[in-house]
Amino acid sequence: MTMATTLAPEDVARWRRDWETMMRHYQPGRDDLLAAGLTAAEEVPGNPPERVLDVGGGPGTTAEAVLRRWPEARVTVLDIDPALLALADNAPLRIRTVRADLGSARWLAPAGGPYDLVMALMTLHYLPAGRVRDWYAEARRLLRPGGLLLVADAMPVAPVAAERPDSGTDPWTAWWTALAREPAMARLLEERTAALSGLSSAEFAAPVGWHRAAARRAGFTDPTVRWERAGHALMVCRR
C-alpha cells in the first residue's frame, strides 16, 4: 500500500526522526530493547527471520532497524493510523504497509502470513485486558511453526493505572500538534481523525507474569523476558 504525501523527502525523514526521539521518551532504553529483541530473533531459531510483521509499527522506524540488521528480510508494517503509515510509505524503505484495527480479529486477514517474527512494541497497552488475551492467540496464528513473537510494553511489578501527561506539554502531544501544522498532511490527518473516532487507549499495564500466562494460554511455549527497565519489559514467545 502506498499513501502519497507532498512532503519533501527531507521532511519525511525529519518527522520520522522526531518520532523515534519521542518513542525513546516513552520507552526507556529503546535502543537496548531493540537490540535485545533482534538478537533473540536470530539466536532462538538459529537463523535470521525472512518474514517480519511489525504490529503497530507506525512510521516504520522499527522496521528500518529490522532492515538495517537483516537487509533481505520482507517486512510488513501494520497500523490503524493513515498518517503514520504515509510516513512509512514515503520513506526510502523496502516494506509493505497494511492498515488494520487490532480491536477485533479482523486484522488477521489483511496482515497475511505466515511470519517468522511478529513484533508488538509499545502497542498492546492500547487494548483492554480481554482483547490482549485474544490478541496473543491471534498473533500465534500468523507465525510459522517455531516462529517468534516479541512483545515489549509497560509491564510493572504490579498492575498500575498509567499516568496521563498534562495535555499540550508531553512529547506525544507536541509531535502531533507540530505535524498538524504541515499543510501536506492535512488530508491524511482528517483520515486519521475519522479512523480513530470513538477509539481511545486503554492504558493497559500488567506485570510480566500476566503476559506470560496469557501467552501460555494462547499456546506459546516458554515465554521468557529478555530485557527489563523502568517498569518496561521485552518478552520472547516461541510458537
Protein backbone atom coordinates (compact mmCIF):
# COMPACT_ATOMS: atom_id res chain seq x y z
CA MET A 1 0.00 0.00 0.00
CA THR A 2 1.37 3.43 -0.91
CA MET A 3 -0.05 6.57 0.63
CA ALA A 4 1.08 9.67 -1.23
CA THR A 5 2.07 12.85 0.54
CA THR A 6 3.59 16.00 -0.90
CA LEU A 7 6.07 16.20 1.96
CA ALA A 8 9.63 16.51 0.71
CA PRO A 9 11.89 13.52 1.46
CA GLU A 10 13.86 15.55 3.98
CA ASP A 11 10.64 16.44 5.82
CA VAL A 12 9.54 12.80 5.92
CA ALA A 13 12.97 11.94 7.35
CA ARG A 14 12.67 14.70 9.95
CA TRP A 15 9.21 13.64 11.16
CA ARG A 16 10.30 10.02 11.41
CA ARG A 17 13.45 11.02 13.28
CA ASP A 18 11.42 13.15 15.71
CA TRP A 19 9.00 10.24 16.19
CA GLU A 20 11.88 7.98 17.21
CA THR A 21 13.10 10.63 19.67
CA MET A 22 9.61 10.78 21.18
CA MET A 23 9.42 6.98 21.47
CA ARG A 24 12.66 6.96 23.44
CA HIS A 25 10.92 9.20 25.96
CA TYR A 26 8.11 6.69 26.49
CA GLN A 27 10.20 3.54 26.08
CA PRO A 28 13.26 3.83 28.34
CA GLY A 29 16.33 2.13 26.87
CA ARG A 30 14.63 1.69 23.48
CA ASP A 31 17.88 1.08 21.60
CA ASP A 32 18.94 -1.65 24.03
CA LEU A 33 15.44 -3.15 23.92
CA LEU A 34 15.52 -3.35 20.13
CA ALA A 35 19.00 -4.85 20.15
CA ALA A 36 17.93 -7.50 22.69
CA GLY A 37 14.81 -8.36 20.68
CA LEU A 38 16.57 -8.66 17.34
CA THR A 39 19.36 -10.72 18.87
CA ALA A 40 16.78 -13.11 20.34
CA ALA A 41 15.05 -13.31 16.95
CA GLU A 42 18.30 -14.66 15.50
CA GLU A 43 19.55 -16.79 18.38
CA VAL A 44 16.40 -18.64 19.42
CA PRO A 45 15.55 -20.15 15.99
CA GLY A 46 19.23 -20.22 14.93
CA ASN A 47 18.85 -18.09 11.80
CA PRO A 48 17.56 -14.61 10.88
CA PRO A 49 13.85 -14.20 10.09
CA GLU A 50 12.85 -13.91 6.45
CA ARG A 51 9.35 -12.51 7.00
CA VAL A 52 8.65 -9.96 9.75
CA LEU A 53 5.42 -8.29 10.88
CA ASP A 54 5.64 -5.09 12.94
CA VAL A 55 2.25 -4.64 14.62
CA GLY A 56 1.52 -1.02 15.47
CA GLY A 57 4.67 -0.09 13.56
CA GLY A 58 3.57 3.49 12.80
CA PRO A 59 6.02 5.43 10.59
CA GLY A 60 8.31 2.42 10.15
CA THR A 61 11.23 3.41 12.37
CA THR A 62 11.34 -0.05 13.97
CA ALA A 63 11.05 -1.64 10.53
CA GLU A 64 14.05 0.43 9.49
CA ALA A 65 16.07 -1.02 12.38
CA VAL A 66 14.99 -4.51 11.32
CA LEU A 67 16.17 -3.90 7.74
CA ARG A 68 19.49 -2.49 8.88
CA ARG A 69 20.11 -5.79 10.64
CA TRP A 70 18.55 -8.08 8.01
CA PRO A 71 18.57 -6.26 4.65
CA GLU A 72 16.98 -9.20 2.83
CA ALA A 73 14.01 -9.53 5.21
CA ARG A 74 10.49 -8.93 3.92
CA VAL A 75 8.91 -6.56 6.43
CA THR A 76 5.23 -5.64 6.83
CA VAL A 77 4.18 -2.68 8.97
CA LEU A 78 0.60 -2.83 10.27
CA ASP A 79 -1.14 0.12 11.91
CA ILE A 80 -4.55 1.77 12.07
CA ASP A 81 -3.16 5.29 11.58
CA PRO A 82 -3.12 6.52 7.94
CA ALA A 83 -0.88 9.50 8.73
CA LEU A 84 1.82 7.34 10.31
CA LEU A 85 1.60 4.76 7.53
CA ALA A 86 2.02 7.55 4.98
CA LEU A 87 5.32 8.50 6.63
CA ALA A 88 6.39 4.85 6.38
CA ASP A 89 5.27 4.59 2.75
CA ASN A 90 7.17 7.73 1.76
CA ALA A 91 10.40 6.74 3.48
CA PRO A 92 13.14 5.03 1.45
CA LEU A 93 12.24 1.61 2.87
CA ARG A 94 11.51 -1.68 1.13
CA ILE A 95 8.43 -2.54 3.18
CA ARG A 96 4.76 -3.41 2.81
CA THR A 97 2.24 -1.42 4.83
CA VAL A 98 -1.20 -2.56 5.96
CA ARG A 99 -3.92 -0.52 7.58
CA ALA A 100 -5.91 -2.53 10.14
CA ASP A 101 -7.54 -2.18 13.56
CA LEU A 102 -6.43 -4.51 16.36
CA GLY A 103 -9.76 -4.05 18.11
CA SER A 104 -11.03 -7.35 16.72
CA ALA A 105 -9.69 -10.45 14.97
CA ARG A 106 -10.45 -8.84 11.60
CA TRP A 107 -6.86 -7.56 11.50
CA LEU A 108 -5.62 -11.09 10.74
CA ALA A 109 -6.82 -11.24 7.13
CA PRO A 110 -5.00 -8.12 5.88
CA ALA A 111 -1.92 -8.98 7.95
CA GLY A 112 -1.27 -12.07 5.87
CA GLY A 113 1.46 -14.51 6.88
CA PRO A 114 2.86 -16.84 7.88
CA TYR A 115 5.71 -14.90 9.51
CA ASP A 116 8.98 -15.91 11.12
CA LEU A 117 8.78 -12.96 13.51
CA VAL A 118 5.87 -10.87 14.80
CA MET A 119 6.70 -7.77 16.86
CA ALA A 120 4.43 -5.61 19.02
CA LEU A 121 6.47 -2.85 20.67
CA MET A 122 4.56 -0.33 22.79
CA THR A 123 1.30 -1.42 21.15
CA LEU A 124 -0.67 -3.73 23.46
CA HIS A 125 -1.29 -1.07 26.12
CA TYR A 126 -3.84 0.45 23.74
CA LEU A 127 -6.06 -2.64 24.14
CA PRO A 128 -8.14 -3.74 27.16
CA ALA A 129 -7.07 -6.87 29.05
CA GLY A 130 -9.55 -9.27 27.45
CA ARG A 131 -8.62 -8.11 23.98
CA VAL A 132 -4.90 -8.54 24.76
CA ARG A 133 -5.54 -12.18 25.77
CA ASP A 134 -7.30 -12.83 22.48
CA TRP A 135 -4.58 -10.98 20.57
CA TYR A 136 -1.87 -13.37 21.78
CA ALA A 137 -3.77 -16.29 20.26
CA GLU A 138 -4.34 -14.34 17.04
CA ALA A 139 -0.65 -13.44 16.75
CA ARG A 140 0.25 -17.12 17.16
CA ARG A 141 -1.92 -17.98 14.16
CA LEU A 142 0.24 -15.70 11.98
CA LEU A 143 3.50 -17.43 12.90
CA ARG A 144 5.01 -20.42 11.18
CA PRO A 145 5.93 -23.35 13.49
CA GLY A 146 8.96 -22.29 15.52
CA GLY A 147 8.34 -18.60 14.79
CA LEU A 148 8.80 -15.92 17.45
CA LEU A 149 6.62 -13.23 18.97
CA LEU A 150 8.30 -10.21 20.58
CA VAL A 151 6.17 -8.12 22.93
CA ALA A 152 7.55 -5.03 24.65
CA ASP A 153 5.40 -2.72 26.72
CA ALA A 154 4.81 -1.33 30.19
CA MET A 155 4.97 -4.38 32.47
CA PRO A 156 5.22 -3.04 36.02
CA VAL A 157 5.85 -5.17 39.08
CA ALA A 158 2.15 -4.80 39.95
CA PRO A 159 -0.78 -3.61 37.84
CA VAL A 160 -0.97 0.18 37.79
CA ALA A 161 -3.00 2.81 36.00
CA ALA A 162 -0.70 4.68 33.65
CA GLU A 163 -0.41 8.39 34.40
CA ARG A 164 -1.58 10.63 31.62
CA PRO A 165 0.70 13.59 30.90
CA ASP A 166 -0.76 17.08 31.02
CA SER A 167 -2.37 17.86 27.68
CA GLY A 168 -0.22 20.00 25.42
CA THR A 169 3.05 19.51 27.29
CA ASP A 170 4.03 15.89 26.72
CA PRO A 171 6.18 14.80 23.73
CA TRP A 172 3.32 12.82 22.13
CA THR A 173 1.01 15.85 22.04
CA ALA A 174 3.83 18.13 20.92
CA TRP A 175 4.70 15.87 17.98
CA TRP A 176 1.12 15.62 16.73
CA THR A 177 0.50 19.34 17.26
CA ALA A 178 3.53 20.16 15.14
CA LEU A 179 2.54 17.66 12.43
CA ALA A 180 -0.90 19.29 12.23
CA ARG A 181 0.81 22.48 11.00
CA GLU A 182 2.05 20.66 7.87
CA PRO A 183 -0.32 21.56 5.01
CA ALA A 184 0.78 18.44 3.10
CA MET A 185 -0.56 16.25 5.91
CA ALA A 186 -3.99 17.88 6.20
CA ARG A 187 -5.93 15.25 4.23
CA LEU A 188 -4.20 12.35 5.97
CA LEU A 189 -4.84 13.88 9.38
CA GLU A 190 -8.52 14.19 8.50
CA GLU A 191 -8.48 10.48 7.60
CA ARG A 192 -6.75 9.79 10.88
CA THR A 193 -9.45 11.62 12.85
CA ALA A 194 -12.12 9.53 11.12
CA ALA A 195 -10.20 6.26 11.60
CA LEU A 196 -9.65 6.87 15.31
CA SER A 197 -13.13 8.26 16.02
CA GLY A 198 -14.52 6.57 19.10
CA LEU A 199 -11.23 4.84 19.90
CA SER A 200 -9.03 5.51 22.90
CA SER A 201 -6.07 3.88 24.57
CA ALA A 202 -6.98 1.50 27.39
CA GLU A 203 -3.63 2.41 29.03
CA PHE A 204 -3.42 -1.27 29.95
CA ALA A 205 -0.43 -2.23 32.10
CA ALA A 206 0.01 -5.66 33.64
CA PRO A 207 3.06 -7.38 35.15
CA VAL A 208 5.26 -9.82 33.28
CA GLY A 209 3.53 -12.76 34.98
CA TRP A 210 0.20 -11.74 33.49
CA HIS A 211 1.66 -11.58 29.99
CA ARG A 212 3.42 -14.92 30.41
CA ALA A 213 0.16 -16.54 31.49
CA ALA A 214 -1.69 -15.00 28.54
CA ALA A 215 0.98 -16.21 26.10
CA ARG A 216 0.94 -19.75 27.52
CA ARG A 217 -2.86 -19.79 27.38
CA ALA A 218 -2.58 -18.89 23.69
CA GLY A 219 -0.28 -21.86 23.08
CA PHE A 220 3.19 -20.26 23.16
CA THR A 221 5.97 -22.28 24.76
CA ASP A 222 8.30 -20.93 27.43
CA PRO A 223 7.69 -17.17 27.16
CA THR A 224 10.82 -15.52 28.57
CA VAL A 225 11.87 -12.00 29.48
CA ARG A 226 14.96 -10.81 27.59
CA TRP A 227 15.10 -7.21 28.81
CA GLU A 228 13.67 -5.07 31.63
CA ARG A 229 13.98 -1.44 32.61
CA ALA A 230 11.92 1.18 34.45
CA GLY A 231 8.71 -0.84 34.52
CA HIS A 232 9.03 -1.93 30.89
CA ALA A 233 9.93 -5.40 29.64
CA LEU A 234 10.56 -7.36 26.46
CA MET A 235 9.09 -10.86 26.30
CA VAL A 236 10.02 -13.51 23.72
CA CYS A 237 7.47 -16.24 22.92
CA ARG A 238 8.02 -19.22 20.63
CA ARG A 239 5.26 -20.89 18.65
